[in-house]
N, C-alpha and C. Protein backbone atom coordinates (compact mmCIF):
# COMPACT_ATOMS: atom_id res chain seq x y z
N MET A 1 48.27 141.63 29.55
CA MET A 1 47.76 141.61 30.91
C MET A 1 48.90 141.89 31.89
N THR A 2 48.53 142.47 32.97
CA THR A 2 49.51 142.70 34.02
C THR A 2 49.59 141.47 34.90
N ASP A 3 50.46 141.48 35.87
CA ASP A 3 50.67 140.31 36.73
C ASP A 3 49.44 139.90 37.52
N ASN A 4 48.61 140.87 37.88
CA ASN A 4 47.43 140.54 38.69
C ASN A 4 46.19 140.25 37.85
N GLY A 5 46.33 140.17 36.55
CA GLY A 5 45.20 139.82 35.69
C GLY A 5 44.31 140.98 35.31
N VAL A 6 44.69 142.18 35.67
CA VAL A 6 43.88 143.36 35.35
C VAL A 6 44.46 144.02 34.09
N ARG A 7 43.60 144.34 33.17
CA ARG A 7 44.05 144.98 31.93
C ARG A 7 44.34 146.45 32.17
N PRO A 8 45.33 146.99 31.45
CA PRO A 8 45.58 148.43 31.54
C PRO A 8 44.39 149.23 31.00
N CYS A 9 44.35 150.48 31.35
CA CYS A 9 43.27 151.36 30.92
C CYS A 9 43.14 151.37 29.41
N ARG A 10 41.89 151.32 28.90
CA ARG A 10 41.55 151.38 27.49
C ARG A 10 42.07 150.20 26.67
N SER A 11 42.41 149.11 27.33
CA SER A 11 42.82 147.95 26.55
C SER A 11 41.64 147.00 26.45
N SER A 12 41.67 146.18 25.45
CA SER A 12 40.57 145.28 25.21
C SER A 12 41.11 143.92 24.82
N SER A 13 40.41 142.88 25.21
CA SER A 13 40.85 141.55 24.85
C SER A 13 40.42 141.19 23.43
N ALA A 14 39.43 141.89 22.89
CA ALA A 14 38.93 141.60 21.55
C ALA A 14 39.77 142.32 20.51
N ALA A 15 40.10 141.63 19.46
CA ALA A 15 40.82 142.24 18.35
C ALA A 15 39.85 143.13 17.58
N PRO A 16 40.34 144.18 16.92
CA PRO A 16 39.44 145.09 16.20
C PRO A 16 38.59 144.40 15.14
N HIS A 17 39.09 143.32 14.54
CA HIS A 17 38.31 142.65 13.50
C HIS A 17 37.18 141.80 14.07
N ASP A 18 37.12 141.66 15.40
CA ASP A 18 36.05 140.91 16.03
C ASP A 18 34.79 141.74 16.28
N VAL A 19 34.82 143.02 15.94
CA VAL A 19 33.69 143.90 16.17
C VAL A 19 32.70 143.73 15.03
N SER A 20 31.45 143.57 15.39
CA SER A 20 30.42 143.35 14.38
C SER A 20 30.13 144.63 13.60
N PRO A 21 29.65 144.49 12.38
CA PRO A 21 29.28 145.68 11.60
C PRO A 21 28.16 146.49 12.26
N GLU A 22 27.29 145.81 12.99
CA GLU A 22 26.20 146.52 13.69
C GLU A 22 26.78 147.43 14.76
N ARG A 23 27.79 146.95 15.47
CA ARG A 23 28.42 147.74 16.53
C ARG A 23 29.10 148.97 15.93
N ARG A 24 29.76 148.79 14.80
CA ARG A 24 30.40 149.93 14.13
C ARG A 24 29.36 150.96 13.70
N THR A 25 28.25 150.47 13.19
CA THR A 25 27.18 151.37 12.75
C THR A 25 26.62 152.14 13.94
N VAL A 26 26.43 151.46 15.06
CA VAL A 26 25.91 152.11 16.27
C VAL A 26 26.89 153.18 16.75
N LEU A 27 28.19 152.86 16.76
CA LEU A 27 29.19 153.84 17.19
C LEU A 27 29.18 155.07 16.29
N GLU A 28 29.11 154.85 14.99
CA GLU A 28 29.11 155.98 14.06
C GLU A 28 27.84 156.81 14.22
N MET A 29 26.71 156.15 14.40
CA MET A 29 25.45 156.87 14.59
C MET A 29 25.48 157.71 15.87
N ARG A 30 26.00 157.12 16.96
CA ARG A 30 26.12 157.87 18.21
C ARG A 30 27.06 159.06 18.06
N GLY A 31 28.14 158.86 17.30
CA GLY A 31 29.08 159.95 17.08
C GLY A 31 28.45 161.09 16.30
N ARG A 32 27.73 160.74 15.24
CA ARG A 32 27.07 161.77 14.43
C ARG A 32 26.01 162.53 15.24
N ARG A 33 25.25 161.80 16.05
CA ARG A 33 24.24 162.45 16.90
C ARG A 33 24.90 163.38 17.91
N SER A 34 26.03 162.95 18.45
CA SER A 34 26.75 163.78 19.41
C SER A 34 27.26 165.06 18.75
N ILE A 35 27.74 164.95 17.51
CA ILE A 35 28.20 166.13 16.78
C ILE A 35 27.04 167.09 16.55
N GLU A 36 25.91 166.57 16.13
CA GLU A 36 24.73 167.42 15.87
C GLU A 36 24.24 168.07 17.16
N PHE A 37 24.17 167.30 18.23
CA PHE A 37 23.71 167.81 19.52
C PHE A 37 24.67 168.89 20.03
N GLY A 38 25.97 168.64 19.90
CA GLY A 38 26.97 169.63 20.33
C GLY A 38 26.89 170.90 19.53
N ALA A 39 26.67 170.77 18.22
CA ALA A 39 26.54 171.95 17.38
C ALA A 39 25.32 172.77 17.78
N ALA A 40 24.25 172.09 18.13
CA ALA A 40 23.03 172.80 18.56
C ALA A 40 23.29 173.57 19.86
N TRP A 41 23.98 172.95 20.82
CA TRP A 41 24.30 173.64 22.08
C TRP A 41 25.21 174.84 21.83
N PHE A 42 26.22 174.65 20.99
CA PHE A 42 27.15 175.73 20.71
C PHE A 42 26.43 176.90 20.02
N ILE A 43 25.65 176.59 19.02
CA ILE A 43 24.93 177.64 18.29
C ILE A 43 23.92 178.33 19.20
N GLY A 44 23.25 177.56 20.06
CA GLY A 44 22.30 178.17 21.00
C GLY A 44 22.98 179.15 21.94
N GLY A 45 24.12 178.77 22.51
CA GLY A 45 24.87 179.68 23.39
C GLY A 45 25.37 180.90 22.65
N LEU A 46 25.81 180.69 21.42
CA LEU A 46 26.29 181.81 20.61
C LEU A 46 25.15 182.76 20.27
N LEU A 47 23.97 182.21 19.96
CA LEU A 47 22.82 183.06 19.65
C LEU A 47 22.40 183.91 20.84
N VAL A 48 22.42 183.32 22.03
CA VAL A 48 22.07 184.09 23.23
C VAL A 48 23.05 185.25 23.40
N ALA A 49 24.33 184.97 23.19
CA ALA A 49 25.34 186.02 23.32
C ALA A 49 25.14 187.11 22.28
N VAL A 50 24.91 186.74 21.04
CA VAL A 50 24.76 187.73 19.96
C VAL A 50 23.48 188.55 20.15
N VAL A 51 22.38 187.88 20.45
CA VAL A 51 21.10 188.60 20.61
C VAL A 51 21.15 189.57 21.77
N THR A 52 21.68 189.14 22.92
CA THR A 52 21.73 190.05 24.07
C THR A 52 22.75 191.17 23.83
N PHE A 53 23.82 190.89 23.10
CA PHE A 53 24.79 191.93 22.78
C PHE A 53 24.16 192.99 21.87
N GLU A 54 23.40 192.54 20.89
CA GLU A 54 22.73 193.48 19.99
C GLU A 54 21.68 194.32 20.73
N GLN A 55 21.00 193.72 21.70
CA GLN A 55 19.99 194.46 22.45
C GLN A 55 20.63 195.46 23.41
N ALA A 56 21.84 195.17 23.87
CA ALA A 56 22.51 196.05 24.83
C ALA A 56 22.98 197.34 24.15
N ARG A 57 23.59 197.26 23.01
CA ARG A 57 24.08 198.40 22.23
C ARG A 57 24.66 199.52 23.08
N GLY A 58 25.84 199.29 23.56
CA GLY A 58 26.53 200.34 24.30
C GLY A 58 26.59 200.05 25.79
N ASP A 59 25.71 200.72 26.56
CA ASP A 59 25.80 200.63 28.01
C ASP A 59 24.97 199.51 28.61
N GLY A 60 24.20 198.81 27.83
CA GLY A 60 23.32 197.77 28.37
C GLY A 60 24.09 196.54 28.83
N VAL A 61 23.36 195.60 29.35
CA VAL A 61 23.94 194.36 29.84
C VAL A 61 23.73 193.27 28.80
N TYR A 62 24.76 192.50 28.55
CA TYR A 62 24.62 191.36 27.65
C TYR A 62 25.28 190.14 28.27
N PHE A 63 24.89 188.98 27.82
CA PHE A 63 25.39 187.73 28.38
C PHE A 63 26.23 186.99 27.35
N VAL A 64 27.36 186.53 27.79
CA VAL A 64 28.13 185.59 26.99
C VAL A 64 28.00 184.26 27.72
N VAL A 65 27.29 183.36 27.12
CA VAL A 65 26.95 182.10 27.78
C VAL A 65 28.02 181.07 27.41
N TRP A 66 29.01 180.94 28.28
CA TRP A 66 30.15 180.07 28.00
C TRP A 66 29.82 178.59 28.16
N VAL A 67 29.07 178.25 29.18
CA VAL A 67 28.86 176.83 29.50
C VAL A 67 28.21 176.07 28.34
N PRO A 68 27.12 176.56 27.74
CA PRO A 68 26.57 175.82 26.60
C PRO A 68 27.54 175.71 25.43
N MET A 69 28.33 176.76 25.21
CA MET A 69 29.29 176.70 24.11
C MET A 69 30.40 175.69 24.40
N PHE A 70 30.92 175.68 25.62
CA PHE A 70 31.94 174.69 25.99
C PHE A 70 31.39 173.28 25.93
N TYR A 71 30.17 173.10 26.42
CA TYR A 71 29.53 171.79 26.37
C TYR A 71 29.35 171.35 24.91
N GLY A 72 28.96 172.27 24.06
CA GLY A 72 28.80 171.96 22.65
C GLY A 72 30.11 171.52 22.02
N VAL A 73 31.19 172.24 22.33
CA VAL A 73 32.50 171.86 21.79
C VAL A 73 32.90 170.48 22.31
N HIS A 74 32.64 170.23 23.58
CA HIS A 74 32.95 168.91 24.17
C HIS A 74 32.20 167.80 23.44
N ARG A 75 30.91 168.02 23.19
CA ARG A 75 30.12 167.00 22.49
C ARG A 75 30.57 166.81 21.05
N ILE A 76 30.96 167.89 20.39
CA ILE A 76 31.44 167.79 19.02
C ILE A 76 32.74 166.98 18.97
N VAL A 77 33.67 167.28 19.86
CA VAL A 77 34.95 166.56 19.89
C VAL A 77 34.72 165.09 20.21
N SER A 78 33.89 164.80 21.21
CA SER A 78 33.65 163.39 21.56
C SER A 78 32.91 162.67 20.43
N GLY A 79 32.07 163.38 19.70
CA GLY A 79 31.39 162.78 18.55
C GLY A 79 32.37 162.42 17.45
N PHE A 80 33.31 163.32 17.17
CA PHE A 80 34.33 163.02 16.16
C PHE A 80 35.18 161.83 16.59
N GLN A 81 35.46 161.73 17.89
CA GLN A 81 36.23 160.58 18.38
C GLN A 81 35.47 159.28 18.18
N LEU A 82 34.17 159.28 18.43
CA LEU A 82 33.36 158.08 18.22
C LEU A 82 33.32 157.69 16.74
N VAL A 83 33.17 158.67 15.87
CA VAL A 83 33.15 158.37 14.44
C VAL A 83 34.50 157.81 14.00
N ARG A 84 35.57 158.40 14.48
CA ARG A 84 36.91 157.91 14.14
C ARG A 84 37.10 156.48 14.65
N LYS A 85 36.65 156.23 15.86
CA LYS A 85 36.77 154.88 16.43
C LYS A 85 36.00 153.87 15.60
N SER A 86 34.80 154.24 15.16
CA SER A 86 34.00 153.31 14.37
C SER A 86 34.68 153.01 13.03
N ARG A 87 35.37 153.98 12.47
CA ARG A 87 36.06 153.76 11.20
C ARG A 87 37.35 152.97 11.37
N GLU A 88 38.01 153.11 12.54
CA GLU A 88 39.22 152.35 12.81
C GLU A 88 38.90 150.88 12.99
N LEU A 89 37.71 150.59 13.48
CA LEU A 89 37.32 149.21 13.74
C LEU A 89 36.93 148.47 12.47
N SER A 90 36.72 149.19 11.36
CA SER A 90 36.30 148.51 10.14
C SER A 90 37.47 147.93 9.39
């Protein structure tokens, strides 16, 4: 604790062994869902880019949809972090 009684960022008063198995299971489940959801967003953005690129063939217009792909990568990374956290707590 600091002098004013406020904990530093990301610190916790509970020791890792005080976390219940249910909480670990919930964290891992949320992480896995986040990975699946992120993969779906990434693949969806990639499919839009590939399909429109194939339809353009040369001089046509095609879309590279960056936002869904970036969001998908963000969700995948945060999902892996949640899974790692749940395993560190065991």
